[in-house]
Amino acid sequence: QVQLVESGGGLVQAGGSLRLVCTASERVFSDAVGWYRQAPGKQRGLVAQITSIGRTDYADSVKGRFTISRDNAKRTVYLEMNALNVEDTAVYYCRMVTPRGVYWGQGTQVTVSS
């Protein structure tokens, strides 16, 4: 069972930045790793995703502000978040798709104050 551990969340003022980190417990081939978020009363949705060949996709609401990247040697995926606004407040989850299955992290809270 692959464990995903997220970190980097916290409280930030609007306009500020945070970097989320997702680290896998073991080296495993992943077809894609993504960051999802869920705000209170809303469904969980994709924020950004990066494939094994480095292709990236972003939700329209974060394009130009967020950047996803991966370091395979460190089994880590990053989400650099800039120009944060209150609508970005949510619990952010890391999701990894592998031949063995789909794995989720426990989530990290991001709160943006106005």
C-alpha atoms as a PDB file:
ATOM      1  CA  GLN A   1       0.000   0.000   0.000  1.00  0.00           C
ATOM      2  CA  VAL A   2       1.510   3.287  -1.096  1.00  0.00           C
ATOM      3  CA  GLN A   3       1.194   6.077   1.463  1.00  0.00           C
ATOM      4  CA  LEU A   4       1.025   9.683   0.308  1.00  0.00           C
ATOM      5  CA  VAL A   5       1.887  12.405   2.773  1.00  0.00           C
ATOM      6  CA  GLU A   6       1.027  16.024   2.051  1.00  0.00           C
ATOM      7  CA  SER A   7       2.502  19.039   3.750  1.00  0.00           C
ATOM      8  CA  GLY A   8       2.838  22.754   3.230  1.00  0.00           C
ATOM      9  CA  GLY A   9      -0.672  23.923   3.890  1.00  0.00           C
ATOM     10  CA  GLY A  10      -1.481  26.735   6.247  1.00  0.00           C
ATOM     11  CA  LEU A  11      -2.969  30.180   6.636  1.00  0.00           C
ATOM     12  CA  VAL A  12      -1.947  32.897   4.202  1.00  0.00           C
ATOM     13  CA  GLN A  13      -3.222  36.314   3.250  1.00  0.00           C
ATOM     14  CA  ALA A  14      -4.771  36.943  -0.116  1.00  0.00           C
ATOM     15  CA  GLY A  15      -2.060  37.541  -2.687  1.00  0.00           C
ATOM     16  CA  GLY A  16       0.363  35.315  -0.859  1.00  0.00           C
ATOM     17  CA  SER A  17       2.007  32.036  -1.808  1.00  0.00           C
ATOM     18  CA  LEU A  18       2.306  28.499  -0.524  1.00  0.00           C
ATOM     19  CA  ARG A  19       4.042  25.378  -1.731  1.00  0.00           C
ATOM     20  CA  LEU A  20       2.395  22.035  -1.149  1.00  0.00           C
ATOM     21  CA  VAL A  21       4.460  18.876  -1.061  1.00  0.00           C
ATOM     22  CA  CYS A  22       3.303  15.296  -1.629  1.00  0.00           C
ATOM     23  CA  THR A  23       5.733  12.482  -0.876  1.00  0.00           C
ATOM     24  CA  ALA A  24       5.173   8.812  -1.616  1.00  0.00           C
ATOM     25  CA  SER A  25       6.277   6.165   0.867  1.00  0.00           C
ATOM     26  CA  GLU A  26       7.904   4.063  -1.795  1.00  0.00           C
ATOM     27  CA  ARG A  27       9.155   4.280  -5.324  1.00  0.00           C
ATOM     28  CA  VAL A  28       6.354   3.275  -7.643  1.00  0.00           C
ATOM     29  CA  PHE A  29       5.605   4.027 -11.239  1.00  0.00           C
ATOM     30  CA  SER A  30       2.774   6.491 -11.465  1.00  0.00           C
ATOM     31  CA  ASP A  31       0.809   7.270 -14.572  1.00  0.00           C
ATOM     32  CA  ALA A  32      -0.192  10.592 -13.133  1.00  0.00           C
ATOM     33  CA  VAL A  33      -0.092  12.507  -9.901  1.00  0.00           C
ATOM     34  CA  GLY A  34      -2.593  15.205  -9.216  1.00  0.00           C
ATOM     35  CA  TRP A  35      -3.636  17.743  -6.638  1.00  0.00           C
ATOM     36  CA  TYR A  36      -7.319  17.985  -5.861  1.00  0.00           C
ATOM     37  CA  ARG A  37      -9.160  20.258  -3.489  1.00  0.00           C
ATOM     38  CA  GLN A  38     -12.418  20.271  -1.631  1.00  0.00           C
ATOM     39  CA  ALA A  39     -13.992  23.319  -0.080  1.00  0.00           C
ATOM     40  CA  PRO A  40     -16.799  23.067   2.497  1.00  0.00           C
ATOM     41  CA  GLY A  41     -20.062  22.131   0.813  1.00  0.00           C
ATOM     42  CA  LYS A  42     -18.418  21.530  -2.546  1.00  0.00           C
ATOM     43  CA  GLN A  43     -17.266  18.481  -4.442  1.00  0.00           C
ATOM     44  CA  ARG A  44     -13.646  17.531  -4.689  1.00  0.00           C
ATOM     45  CA  GLY A  45     -12.158  18.694  -7.958  1.00  0.00           C
ATOM     46  CA  LEU A  46      -8.919  18.568  -9.885  1.00  0.00           C
ATOM     47  CA  VAL A  47      -6.532  21.457  -9.402  1.00  0.00           C
ATOM     48  CA  ALA A  48      -3.501  20.272 -11.332  1.00  0.00           C
ATOM     49  CA  GLN A  49      -2.049  17.053 -12.673  1.00  0.00           C
ATOM     50  CA  ILE A  50       1.289  15.892 -14.031  1.00  0.00           C
ATOM     51  CA  THR A  51       1.828  12.703 -15.987  1.00  0.00           C
ATOM     52  CA  SER A  52       4.782  10.342 -16.094  1.00  0.00           C
ATOM     53  CA  ILE A  53       6.100  12.149 -19.156  1.00  0.00           C
ATOM     54  CA  GLY A  54       5.710  15.561 -17.586  1.00  0.00           C
ATOM     55  CA  ARG A  55       2.525  16.704 -19.248  1.00  0.00           C
ATOM     56  CA  THR A  56       0.606  19.096 -17.019  1.00  0.00           C
ATOM     57  CA  ASP A  57      -3.033  20.091 -16.835  1.00  0.00           C
ATOM     58  CA  TYR A  58      -4.642  22.768 -14.704  1.00  0.00           C
ATOM     59  CA  ALA A  59      -8.096  23.820 -13.680  1.00  0.00           C
ATOM     60  CA  ASP A  60      -9.024  27.059 -15.411  1.00  0.00           C
ATOM     61  CA  SER A  61      -9.308  28.824 -12.073  1.00  0.00           C
ATOM     62  CA  VAL A  62      -5.638  28.277 -11.239  1.00  0.00           C
ATOM     63  CA  LYS A  63      -3.958  28.611 -14.629  1.00  0.00           C
ATOM     64  CA  GLY A  64      -1.153  31.114 -14.502  1.00  0.00           C
ATOM     65  CA  ARG A  65      -1.056  31.062 -10.707  1.00  0.00           C
ATOM     66  CA  PHE A  66      -0.282  27.446  -9.770  1.00  0.00           C
ATOM     67  CA  THR A  67       2.531  25.226 -10.991  1.00  0.00           C
ATOM     68  CA  ILE A  68       2.817  21.485 -10.510  1.00  0.00           C
ATOM     69  CA  SER A  69       6.143  19.705 -10.731  1.00  0.00           C
ATOM     70  CA  ARG A  70       7.653  16.393  -9.723  1.00  0.00           C
ATOM     71  CA  ASP A  71      10.982  15.059  -8.533  1.00  0.00           C
ATOM     72  CA  ASN A  72      10.985  11.332  -9.208  1.00  0.00           C
ATOM     73  CA  ALA A  73      14.239  10.767  -7.338  1.00  0.00           C
ATOM     74  CA  LYS A  74      12.605  12.163  -4.191  1.00  0.00           C
ATOM     75  CA  ARG A  75       9.223  10.508  -4.897  1.00  0.00           C
ATOM     76  CA  THR A  76       7.746  13.986  -4.490  1.00  0.00           C
ATOM     77  CA  VAL A  77       5.274  16.196  -6.289  1.00  0.00           C
ATOM     78  CA  TYR A  78       4.987  19.900  -5.608  1.00  0.00           C
ATOM     79  CA  LEU A  79       2.248  22.442  -6.091  1.00  0.00           C
ATOM     80  CA  GLU A  80       3.489  26.004  -6.130  1.00  0.00           C
ATOM     81  CA  MET A  81       0.569  28.338  -5.470  1.00  0.00           C
ATOM     82  CA  ASN A  82       0.881  32.068  -6.081  1.00  0.00           C
ATOM     83  CA  ALA A  83      -1.541  34.975  -6.011  1.00  0.00           C
ATOM     84  CA  LEU A  84      -3.808  33.042  -3.680  1.00  0.00           C
ATOM     85  CA  ASN A  85      -7.341  34.277  -3.132  1.00  0.00           C
ATOM     86  CA  VAL A  86     -10.073  33.362  -0.697  1.00  0.00           C
ATOM     87  CA  GLU A  87     -11.663  31.057  -3.283  1.00  0.00           C
ATOM     88  CA  ASP A  88      -8.577  28.845  -3.034  1.00  0.00           C
ATOM     89  CA  THR A  89      -9.440  27.967   0.550  1.00  0.00           C
ATOM     90  CA  ALA A  90      -9.930  24.201   0.744  1.00  0.00           C
ATOM     91  CA  VAL A  91      -8.429  20.939   1.825  1.00  0.00           C
ATOM     92  CA  TYR A  92      -5.894  19.905  -0.799  1.00  0.00           C
ATOM     93  CA  TYR A  93      -5.336  16.236  -1.557  1.00  0.00           C
ATOM     94  CA  CYS A  94      -2.646  14.442  -3.470  1.00  0.00           C
ATOM     95  CA  ARG A  95      -3.754  11.595  -5.743  1.00  0.00           C
ATOM     96  CA  MET A  96      -1.527   9.071  -7.466  1.00  0.00           C
ATOM     97  CA  VAL A  97      -2.587   6.716 -10.248  1.00  0.00           C
ATOM     98  CA  THR A  98      -0.467   3.597 -10.524  1.00  0.00           C
ATOM     99  CA  PRO A  99      -0.807   0.165 -12.145  1.00  0.00           C
ATOM    100  CA  ARG A 100      -1.490  -1.118  -8.632  1.00  0.00           C
ATOM    101  CA  GLY A 101      -4.328   1.263  -7.976  1.00  0.00           C
ATOM    102  CA  VAL A 102      -5.249   4.827  -7.056  1.00  0.00           C
ATOM    103  CA  TYR A 103      -3.968   6.329  -3.833  1.00  0.00           C
ATOM    104  CA  TRP A 104      -4.940   9.460  -1.911  1.00  0.00           C
ATOM    105  CA  GLY A 105      -3.199  11.427   0.761  1.00  0.00           C
ATOM    106  CA  GLN A 106      -4.860  12.571   3.949  1.00  0.00           C
ATOM    107  CA  GLY A 107      -5.147  16.179   2.828  1.00  0.00           C
ATOM    108  CA  THR A 108      -3.682  19.474   3.941  1.00  0.00           C
ATOM    109  CA  GLN A 109      -5.699  22.568   4.775  1.00  0.00           C
ATOM    110  CA  VAL A 110      -5.100  25.788   2.891  1.00  0.00           C
ATOM    111  CA  THR A 111      -6.837  28.865   4.229  1.00  0.00           C
ATOM    112  CA  VAL A 112      -6.595  32.211   2.485  1.00  0.00           C
ATOM    113  CA  SER A 113      -7.708  35.263   4.419  1.00  0.00           C
ATOM    114  CA  SER A 114      -8.888  38.499   2.844  1.00  0.00           C
END
